[in-house]
Amino acid sequence: EKTKIRKRLSVLVSSGKLVRKGSGTYALSDKPVFR
């Protein structure tokens, strides 16, 4: 289950909804992804 959560976090980062703030730490993104 934890592996699935990490995959969803990666998807949210790739889509620009979250940004990585450090190892294992995330935050909402206030900027768009370049598309």
PDB file of all heavy atoms in Angstrom:
ATOM      1  N   GLU A   1       0.828  -1.210   0.000  1.00  0.00           N
ATOM      2  CA  GLU A   1       0.000   0.000   0.000  1.00  0.00           C
ATOM      3  C   GLU A   1       0.861   1.258   0.000  1.00  0.00           C
ATOM      4  O   GLU A   1       0.547   2.246  -0.679  1.00  0.00           O
ATOM      5  CB  GLU A   1      -0.909  -0.007   1.227  1.00  0.00           C
ATOM      6  CG  GLU A   1      -2.015  -1.060   1.172  1.00  0.00           C
ATOM      7  CD  GLU A   1      -2.785  -1.138   2.475  1.00  0.00           C
ATOM      8  OE1 GLU A   1      -2.176  -0.961   3.554  1.00  0.00           O
ATOM      9  OE2 GLU A   1      -4.007  -1.368   2.424  1.00  0.00           O
ATOM     10  N   LYS A   2       1.958   1.225   0.737  1.00  0.00           N
ATOM     11  CA  LYS A   2       2.858   2.383   0.791  1.00  0.00           C
ATOM     12  C   LYS A   2       3.491   2.636  -0.576  1.00  0.00           C
ATOM     13  O   LYS A   2       3.684   3.792  -0.975  1.00  0.00           O
ATOM     14  CB  LYS A   2       3.938   2.164   1.844  1.00  0.00           C
ATOM     15  CG  LYS A   2       3.420   2.239   3.280  1.00  0.00           C
ATOM     16  CD  LYS A   2       4.527   1.990   4.295  1.00  0.00           C
ATOM     17  CE  LYS A   2       4.003   2.096   5.712  1.00  0.00           C
ATOM     18  NZ  LYS A   2       5.070   1.849   6.719  1.00  0.00           N
ATOM     19  N   THR A   3       3.807   1.560  -1.291  1.00  0.00           N
ATOM     20  CA  THR A   3       4.373   1.707  -2.641  1.00  0.00           C
ATOM     21  C   THR A   3       3.372   2.410  -3.555  1.00  0.00           C
ATOM     22  O   THR A   3       3.744   3.277  -4.352  1.00  0.00           O
ATOM     23  CB  THR A   3       4.739   0.331  -3.226  1.00  0.00           C
ATOM     24  OG1 THR A   3       5.746  -0.266  -2.427  1.00  0.00           O
ATOM     25  CG2 THR A   3       5.248   0.471  -4.666  1.00  0.00           C
ATOM     26  N   LYS A   4       2.092   2.064  -3.418  1.00  0.00           N
ATOM     27  CA  LYS A   4       1.053   2.700  -4.236  1.00  0.00           C
ATOM     28  C   LYS A   4       0.941   4.197  -3.912  1.00  0.00           C
ATOM     29  O   LYS A   4       0.758   5.022  -4.815  1.00  0.00           O
ATOM     30  CB  LYS A   4      -0.287   2.009  -4.016  1.00  0.00           C
ATOM     31  CG  LYS A   4      -0.357   0.599  -4.596  1.00  0.00           C
ATOM     32  CD  LYS A   4      -1.719  -0.041  -4.342  1.00  0.00           C
ATOM     33  CE  LYS A   4      -1.778  -1.446  -4.929  1.00  0.00           C
ATOM     34  NZ  LYS A   4      -3.084  -2.101  -4.637  1.00  0.00           N
ATOM     35  N   ILE A   5       1.068   4.543  -2.634  1.00  0.00           N
ATOM     36  CA  ILE A   5       0.998   5.956  -2.242  1.00  0.00           C
ATOM     37  C   ILE A   5       2.178   6.721  -2.827  1.00  0.00           C
ATOM     38  O   ILE A   5       2.019   7.844  -3.342  1.00  0.00           O
ATOM     39  CB  ILE A   5       0.988   6.096  -0.708  1.00  0.00           C
ATOM     40  CG1 ILE A   5      -0.282   5.479  -0.119  1.00  0.00           C
ATOM     41  CG2 ILE A   5       1.104   7.563  -0.294  1.00  0.00           C
ATOM     42  CD1 ILE A   5      -1.567   6.106  -0.602  1.00  0.00           C
ATOM     43  N   ARG A   6       3.365   6.131  -2.789  1.00  0.00           N
ATOM     44  CA  ARG A   6       4.544   6.804  -3.353  1.00  0.00           C
ATOM     45  C   ARG A   6       4.381   7.020  -4.854  1.00  0.00           C
ATOM     46  O   ARG A   6       4.786   8.054  -5.392  1.00  0.00           O
ATOM     47  CB  ARG A   6       5.818   6.000  -3.049  1.00  0.00           C
ATOM     48  CG  ARG A   6       6.231   6.024  -1.580  1.00  0.00           C
ATOM     49  CD  ARG A   6       7.649   5.530  -1.390  1.00  0.00           C
ATOM     50  NE  ARG A   6       7.788   4.125  -1.750  1.00  0.00           N
ATOM     51  CZ  ARG A   6       7.602   3.111  -0.913  1.00  0.00           C
ATOM     52  NH1 ARG A   6       7.231   3.355   0.339  1.00  0.00           N
ATOM     53  NH2 ARG A   6       7.772   1.857  -1.303  1.00  0.00           N
ATOM     54  N   LYS A   7       3.765   6.060  -5.526  1.00  0.00           N
ATOM     55  CA  LYS A   7       3.521   6.203  -6.963  1.00  0.00           C
ATOM     56  C   LYS A   7       2.532   7.341  -7.232  1.00  0.00           C
ATOM     57  O   LYS A   7       2.704   8.114  -8.174  1.00  0.00           O
ATOM     58  CB  LYS A   7       2.993   4.888  -7.545  1.00  0.00           C
ATOM     59  CG  LYS A   7       4.044   3.793  -7.663  1.00  0.00           C
ATOM     60  CD  LYS A   7       3.464   2.528  -8.278  1.00  0.00           C
ATOM     61  CE  LYS A   7       4.537   1.459  -8.429  1.00  0.00           C
ATOM     62  NZ  LYS A   7       3.986   0.183  -8.996  1.00  0.00           N
ATOM     63  N   ARG A   8       1.487   7.433  -6.388  1.00  0.00           N
ATOM     64  CA  ARG A   8       0.517   8.518  -6.570  1.00  0.00           C
ATOM     65  C   ARG A   8       1.166   9.879  -6.314  1.00  0.00           C
ATOM     66  O   ARG A   8       0.863  10.859  -7.000  1.00  0.00           O
ATOM     67  CB  ARG A   8      -0.682   8.331  -5.634  1.00  0.00           C
ATOM     68  CG  ARG A   8      -1.552   7.121  -5.915  1.00  0.00           C
ATOM     69  CD  ARG A   8      -1.868   6.924  -7.372  1.00  0.00           C
ATOM     70  NE  ARG A   8      -2.445   8.115  -8.004  1.00  0.00           N
ATOM     71  CZ  ARG A   8      -2.573   8.269  -9.303  1.00  0.00           C
ATOM     72  NH1 ARG A   8      -2.121   7.350 -10.131  1.00  0.00           N
ATOM     73  NH2 ARG A   8      -3.130   9.364  -9.789  1.00  0.00           N
ATOM     74  N   LEU A   9       2.049   9.948  -5.349  1.00  0.00           N
ATOM     75  CA  LEU A   9       2.772  11.198  -5.082  1.00  0.00           C
ATOM     76  C   LEU A   9       3.622  11.589  -6.284  1.00  0.00           C
ATOM     77  O   LEU A   9       3.685  12.762  -6.659  1.00  0.00           O
ATOM     78  CB  LEU A   9       3.642  11.055  -3.828  1.00  0.00           C
ATOM     79  CG  LEU A   9       2.889  11.073  -2.494  1.00  0.00           C
ATOM     80  CD1 LEU A   9       3.794  10.556  -1.376  1.00  0.00           C
ATOM     81  CD2 LEU A   9       2.395  12.477  -2.166  1.00  0.00           C
ATOM     82  N   SER A  10       4.253  10.607  -6.908  1.00  0.00           N
ATOM     83  CA  SER A  10       5.068  10.887  -8.097  1.00  0.00           C
ATOM     84  C   SER A  10       4.194  11.401  -9.240  1.00  0.00           C
ATOM     85  O   SER A  10       4.590  12.310  -9.975  1.00  0.00           O
ATOM     86  CB  SER A  10       5.817   9.620  -8.544  1.00  0.00           C
ATOM     87  OG  SER A  10       6.769   9.232  -7.591  1.00  0.00           O
ATOM     88  N   VAL A  11       3.001  10.826  -9.377  1.00  0.00           N
ATOM     89  CA  VAL A  11       2.070  11.281 -10.413  1.00  0.00           C
ATOM     90  C   VAL A  11       1.642  12.718 -10.142  1.00  0.00           C
ATOM     91  O   VAL A  11       1.576  13.556 -11.063  1.00  0.00           O
ATOM     92  CB  VAL A  11       0.838  10.358 -10.484  1.00  0.00           C
ATOM     93  CG1 VAL A  11      -0.245  10.966 -11.367  1.00  0.00           C
ATOM     94  CG2 VAL A  11       1.233   8.984 -11.020  1.00  0.00           C
ATOM     95  N   LEU A  12       1.356  13.036  -8.896  1.00  0.00           N
ATOM     96  CA  LEU A  12       0.945  14.395  -8.540  1.00  0.00           C
ATOM     97  C   LEU A  12       2.068  15.401  -8.772  1.00  0.00           C
ATOM     98  O   LEU A  12       1.811  16.541  -9.174  1.00  0.00           O
ATOM     99  CB  LEU A  12       0.485  14.435  -7.074  1.00  0.00           C
ATOM    100  CG  LEU A  12      -0.835  13.721  -6.774  1.00  0.00           C
ATOM    101  CD1 LEU A  12      -1.070  13.621  -5.279  1.00  0.00           C
ATOM    102  CD2 LEU A  12      -2.009  14.432  -7.447  1.00  0.00           C
ATOM    103  N   VAL A  13       3.303  14.976  -8.552  1.00  0.00           N
ATOM    104  CA  VAL A  13       4.444  15.855  -8.835  1.00  0.00           C
ATOM    105  C   VAL A  13       4.593  16.050 -10.343  1.00  0.00           C
ATOM    106  O   VAL A  13       4.772  17.165 -10.831  1.00  0.00           O
ATOM    107  CB  VAL A  13       5.750  15.272  -8.238  1.00  0.00           C
ATOM    108  CG1 VAL A  13       6.966  16.034  -8.750  1.00  0.00           C
ATOM    109  CG2 VAL A  13       5.711  15.343  -6.714  1.00  0.00           C
ATOM    110  N   SER A  14       4.493  14.961 -11.100  1.00  0.00           N
ATOM    111  CA  SER A  14       4.628  15.039 -12.563  1.00  0.00           C
ATOM    112  C   SER A  14       3.559  15.912 -13.192  1.00  0.00           C
ATOM    113  O   SER A  14       3.803  16.611 -14.181  1.00  0.00           O
ATOM    114  CB  SER A  14       4.577  13.639 -13.180  1.00  0.00           C
ATOM    115  OG  SER A  14       5.647  12.850 -12.729  1.00  0.00           O
ATOM    116  N   SER A  15       2.362  15.888 -12.605  1.00  0.00           N
ATOM    117  CA  SER A  15       1.255  16.676 -13.151  1.00  0.00           C
ATOM    118  C   SER A  15       1.299  18.128 -12.695  1.00  0.00           C
ATOM    119  O   SER A  15       0.503  18.943 -13.151  1.00  0.00           O
ATOM    120  CB  SER A  15      -0.084  16.055 -12.737  1.00  0.00           C
ATOM    121  OG  SER A  15      -0.272  16.149 -11.337  1.00  0.00           O
ATOM    122  N   GLY A  16       2.229  18.440 -11.769  1.00  0.00           N
ATOM    123  CA  GLY A  16       2.368  19.818 -11.317  1.00  0.00           C
ATOM    124  C   GLY A  16       1.486  20.193 -10.144  1.00  0.00           C
ATOM    125  O   GLY A  16       1.504  21.344  -9.696  1.00  0.00           O
ATOM    126  N   LYS A  17       0.723  19.226  -9.616  1.00  0.00           N
ATOM    127  CA  LYS A  17      -0.161  19.542  -8.489  1.00  0.00           C
ATOM    128  C   LYS A  17       0.617  19.640  -7.182  1.00  0.00           C
ATOM    129  O   LYS A  17       0.239  20.369  -6.261  1.00  0.00           O
ATOM    130  CB  LYS A  17      -1.269  18.501  -8.383  1.00  0.00           C
ATOM    131  CG  LYS A  17      -2.263  18.533  -9.542  1.00  0.00           C
ATOM    132  CD  LYS A  17      -3.366  17.516  -9.340  1.00  0.00           C
ATOM    133  CE  LYS A  17      -4.442  17.639 -10.437  1.00  0.00           C
ATOM    134  NZ  LYS A  17      -3.916  17.280 -11.752  1.00  0.00           N
ATOM    135  N   LEU A  18       1.703  18.863  -7.075  1.00  0.00           N
ATOM    136  CA  LEU A  18       2.587  18.925  -5.917  1.00  0.00           C
ATOM    137  C   LEU A  18       4.012  19.201  -6.377  1.00  0.00           C
ATOM    138  O   LEU A  18       4.364  18.945  -7.533  1.00  0.00           O
ATOM    139  CB  LEU A  18       2.575  17.602  -5.145  1.00  0.00           C
ATOM    140  CG  LEU A  18       1.318  17.201  -4.373  1.00  0.00           C
ATOM    141  CD1 LEU A  18       1.541  15.846  -3.697  1.00  0.00           C
ATOM    142  CD2 LEU A  18       0.924  18.247  -3.347  1.00  0.00           C
ATOM    143  N   VAL A  19       4.825  19.709  -5.485  1.00  0.00           N
ATOM    144  CA  VAL A  19       6.259  19.856  -5.735  1.00  0.00           C
ATOM    145  C   VAL A  19       7.005  19.165  -4.605  1.00  0.00           C
ATOM    146  O   VAL A  19       6.520  19.093  -3.470  1.00  0.00           O
ATOM    147  CB  VAL A  19       6.696  21.344  -5.812  1.00  0.00           C
ATOM    148  CG1 VAL A  19       6.124  22.005  -7.037  1.00  0.00           C
ATOM    149  CG2 VAL A  19       6.301  22.099  -4.555  1.00  0.00           C
ATOM    150  N   ARG A  20       8.190  18.641  -4.913  1.00  0.00           N
ATOM    151  CA  ARG A  20       9.044  18.060  -3.884  1.00  0.00           C
ATOM    152  C   ARG A  20       9.805  19.174  -3.172  1.00  0.00           C
ATOM    153  O   ARG A  20      10.463  19.979  -3.806  1.00  0.00           O
ATOM    154  CB  ARG A  20      10.035  17.067  -4.503  1.00  0.00           C
ATOM    155  CG  ARG A  20       9.399  15.746  -4.906  1.00  0.00           C
ATOM    156  CD  ARG A  20      10.469  14.729  -5.296  1.00  0.00           C
ATOM    157  NE  ARG A  20       9.881  13.430  -5.591  1.00  0.00           N
ATOM    158  CZ  ARG A  20       9.464  13.053  -6.784  1.00  0.00           C
ATOM    159  NH1 ARG A  20       9.564  13.885  -7.804  1.00  0.00           N
ATOM    160  NH2 ARG A  20       8.936  11.858  -6.977  1.00  0.00           N
ATOM    161  N   LYS A  21       9.714  19.180  -1.870  1.00  0.00           N
ATOM    162  CA  LYS A  21      10.421  20.183  -1.075  1.00  0.00           C
ATOM    163  C   LYS A  21      11.688  19.611  -0.450  1.00  0.00           C
ATOM    164  O   LYS A  21      12.512  20.334   0.100  1.00  0.00           O
ATOM    165  CB  LYS A  21       9.510  20.718   0.035  1.00  0.00           C
ATOM    166  CG  LYS A  21       8.206  21.316  -0.462  1.00  0.00           C
ATOM    167  CD  LYS A  21       8.442  22.525  -1.341  1.00  0.00           C
ATOM    168  CE  LYS A  21       8.880  23.732  -0.535  1.00  0.00           C
ATOM    169  NZ  LYS A  21       8.957  24.955  -1.352  1.00  0.00           N
ATOM    170  N   GLY A  22      11.837  18.327  -0.539  1.00  0.00           N
ATOM    171  CA  GLY A  22      12.997  17.632   0.014  1.00  0.00           C
ATOM    172  C   GLY A  22      12.738  16.144  -0.042  1.00  0.00           C
ATOM    173  O   GLY A  22      11.724  15.699  -0.596  1.00  0.00           O
ATOM    174  N   SER A  23      13.620  15.357   0.538  1.00  0.00           N
ATOM    175  CA  SER A  23      13.459  13.911   0.508  1.00  0.00           C
ATOM    176  C   SER A  23      12.215  13.504   1.299  1.00  0.00           C
ATOM    177  O   SER A  23      12.140  13.697   2.506  1.00  0.00           O
ATOM    178  CB  SER A  23      14.703  13.240   1.097  1.00  0.00           C
ATOM    179  OG  SER A  23      14.553  11.837   1.105  1.00  0.00           O
ATOM    180  N   GLY A  24      11.231  12.958   0.609  1.00  0.00           N
ATOM    181  CA  GLY A  24      10.020  12.503   1.266  1.00  0.00           C
ATOM    182  C   GLY A  24       9.108  13.600   1.764  1.00  0.00           C
ATOM    183  O   GLY A  24       8.236  13.363   2.606  1.00  0.00           O
ATOM    184  N   THR A  25       9.263  14.801   1.242  1.00  0.00           N
ATOM    185  CA  THR A  25       8.442  15.936   1.676  1.00  0.00           C
ATOM    186  C   THR A  25       7.858  16.639   0.461  1.00  0.00           C
ATOM    187  O   THR A  25       8.562  16.900  -0.518  1.00  0.00           O
ATOM    188  CB  THR A  25       9.278  16.938   2.494  1.00  0.00           C
ATOM    189  OG1 THR A  25       9.910  16.245   3.572  1.00  0.00           O
ATOM    190  CG2 THR A  25       8.383  18.039   3.080  1.00  0.00           C
ATOM    191  N   TYR A  26       6.569  16.967   0.517  1.00  0.00           N
ATOM    192  CA  TYR A  26       5.862  17.539  -0.626  1.00  0.00           C
ATOM    193  C   TYR A  26       5.047  18.747  -0.195  1.00  0.00           C
ATOM    194  O   TYR A  26       4.736  18.935   0.982  1.00  0.00           O
ATOM    195  CB  TYR A  26       4.931  16.489  -1.246  1.00  0.00           C
ATOM    196  CG  TYR A  26       5.637  15.229  -1.657  1.00  0.00           C
ATOM    197  CD1 TYR A  26       5.906  14.223  -0.717  1.00  0.00           C
ATOM    198  CD2 TYR A  26       6.057  15.024  -2.956  1.00  0.00           C
ATOM    199  CE1 TYR A  26       6.571  13.055  -1.080  1.00  0.00           C
ATOM    200  CE2 TYR A  26       6.722  13.866  -3.332  1.00  0.00           C
ATOM    201  CZ  TYR A  26       6.981  12.889  -2.394  1.00  0.00           C
ATOM    202  OH  TYR A  26       7.648  11.743  -2.756  1.00  0.00           O
ATOM    203  N   ALA A  27       4.686  19.576  -1.168  1.00  0.00           N
ATOM    204  CA  ALA A  27       3.847  20.740  -0.908  1.00  0.00           C
ATOM    205  C   ALA A  27       3.023  21.042  -2.153  1.00  0.00           C
ATOM    206  O   ALA A  27       3.361  20.608  -3.261  1.00  0.00           O
ATOM    207  CB  ALA A  27       4.696  21.954  -0.536  1.00  0.00           C
ATOM    208  N   LEU A  28       1.933  21.775  -1.973  1.00  0.00           N
ATOM    209  CA  LEU A  28       1.143  22.211  -3.110  1.00  0.00           C
ATOM    210  C   LEU A  28       1.963  23.118  -4.010  1.00  0.00           C
ATOM    211  O   LEU A  28       2.758  23.935  -3.525  1.00  0.00           O
ATOM    212  CB  LEU A  28      -0.108  22.968  -2.646  1.00  0.00           C
ATOM    213  CG  LEU A  28      -1.283  22.160  -2.117  1.00  0.00           C
ATOM    214  CD1 LEU A  28      -2.396  23.103  -1.706  1.00  0.00           C
ATOM    215  CD2 LEU A  28      -1.796  21.163  -3.160  1.00  0.00           C
ATOM    216  N   SER A  29       1.765  22.983  -5.285  1.00  0.00           N
ATOM    217  CA  SER A  29       2.472  23.844  -6.237  1.00  0.00           C
ATOM    218  C   SER A  29       1.639  25.089  -6.535  1.00  0.00           C
ATOM    219  O   SER A  29       0.431  24.995  -6.744  1.00  0.00           O
ATOM    220  CB  SER A  29       2.735  23.085  -7.540  1.00  0.00           C
ATOM    221  OG  SER A  29       3.255  23.951  -8.525  1.00  0.00           O
ATOM    222  N   ASP A  30       2.317  26.239  -6.537  1.00  0.00           N
ATOM    223  CA  ASP A  30       1.609  27.471  -6.897  1.00  0.00           C
ATOM    224  C   ASP A  30       1.995  27.953  -8.294  1.00  0.00           C
ATOM    225  O   ASP A  30       1.676  29.055  -8.692  1.00  0.00           O
ATOM    226  CB  ASP A  30       1.895  28.573  -5.869  1.00  0.00           C
ATOM    227  CG  ASP A  30       3.385  28.882  -5.759  1.00  0.00           C
ATOM    228  OD1 ASP A  30       4.195  28.139  -6.363  1.00  0.00           O
ATOM    229  OD2 ASP A  30       3.730  29.842  -5.059  1.00  0.00           O
ATOM    230  N   LYS A  31       2.710  27.071  -9.034  1.00  0.00           N
ATOM    231  CA  LYS A  31       3.130  27.420 -10.392  1.00  0.00           C
ATOM    232  C   LYS A  31       2.749  26.293 -11.346  1.00  0.00           C
ATOM    233  O   LYS A  31       2.727  25.129 -10.963  1.00  0.00           O
ATOM    234  CB  LYS A  31       4.638  27.653 -10.452  1.00  0.00           C
ATOM    235  CG  LYS A  31       5.141  28.769  -9.564  1.00  0.00           C
ATOM    236  CD  LYS A  31       6.646  28.827  -9.575  1.00  0.00           C
ATOM    237  CE  LYS A  31       7.174  29.856  -8.577  1.00  0.00           C
ATOM    238  NZ  LYS A  31       8.645  29.862  -8.513  1.00  0.00           N
ATOM    239  N   PRO A  32       2.468  26.620 -12.598  1.00  0.00           N
ATOM    240  CA  PRO A  32       2.098  25.578 -13.564  1.00  0.00           C
ATOM    241  C   PRO A  32       3.308  24.790 -14.054  1.00  0.00           C
ATOM    242  O   PRO A  32       4.446  25.258 -13.995  1.00  0.00           O
ATOM    243  CB  PRO A  32       1.491  26.381 -14.719  1.00  0.00           C
ATOM    244  CG  PRO A  32       2.219  27.694 -14.665  1.00  0.00           C
ATOM    245  CD  PRO A  32       2.427  27.969 -13.190  1.00  0.00           C
ATOM    246  N   VAL A  33       3.054  23.578 -14.509  1.00  0.00           N
ATOM    247  CA  VAL A  33       4.078  22.799 -15.207  1.00  0.00           C
ATOM    248  C   VAL A  33       4.177  23.313 -16.638  1.00  0.00           C
ATOM    249  O   VAL A  33       3.185  23.733 -17.233  1.00  0.00           O
ATOM    250  CB  VAL A  33       3.704  21.298 -15.199  1.00  0.00           C
ATOM    251  CG1 VAL A  33       4.647  20.497 -16.096  1.00  0.00           C
ATOM    252  CG2 VAL A  33       3.749  20.758 -13.779  1.00  0.00           C
ATOM    253  N   PHE A  34       5.365  23.299 -17.197  1.00  0.00           N
ATOM    254  CA  PHE A  34       5.609  23.753 -18.564  1.00  0.00           C
ATOM    255  C   PHE A  34       4.996  22.762 -19.547  1.00  0.00           C
ATOM    256  O   PHE A  34       5.496  21.652 -19.726  1.00  0.00           O
ATOM    257  CB  PHE A  34       7.128  23.855 -18.778  1.00  0.00           C
ATOM    258  CG  PHE A  34       7.556  24.273 -20.160  1.00  0.00           C
ATOM    259  CD1 PHE A  34       7.478  25.594 -20.550  1.00  0.00           C
ATOM    260  CD2 PHE A  34       8.078  23.348 -21.049  1.00  0.00           C
ATOM    261  CE1 PHE A  34       7.894  25.987 -21.815  1.00  0.00           C
ATOM    262  CE2 PHE A  34       8.504  23.731 -22.313  1.00  0.00           C
ATOM    263  CZ  PHE A  34       8.407  25.057 -22.693  1.00  0.00           C
ATOM    264  N   ARG A  35       3.876  23.142 -20.151  1.00  0.00           N
ATOM    265  CA  ARG A  35       3.215  22.298 -21.142  1.00  0.00           C
ATOM    266  C   ARG A  35       2.755  23.178 -22.310  1.00  0.00           C
ATOM    267  O   ARG A  35       1.588  23.567 -22.396  1.00  0.00           O
ATOM    268  CB  ARG A  35       2.026  21.547 -20.525  1.00  0.00           C
ATOM    269  CG  ARG A  35       2.450  20.430 -19.588  1.00  0.00           C
ATOM    270  CD  ARG A  35       1.266  19.642 -19.081  1.00  0.00           C
ATOM    271  NE  ARG A  35       0.556  18.949 -20.153  1.00  0.00           N
ATOM    272  CZ  ARG A  35       0.925  17.795 -20.680  1.00  0.00           C
ATOM    273  NH1 ARG A  35       2.017  17.192 -20.260  1.00  0.00           N
ATOM    274  NH2 ARG A  35       0.209  17.221 -21.638  1.00  0.00           N
TER     275      ARG A  35
END
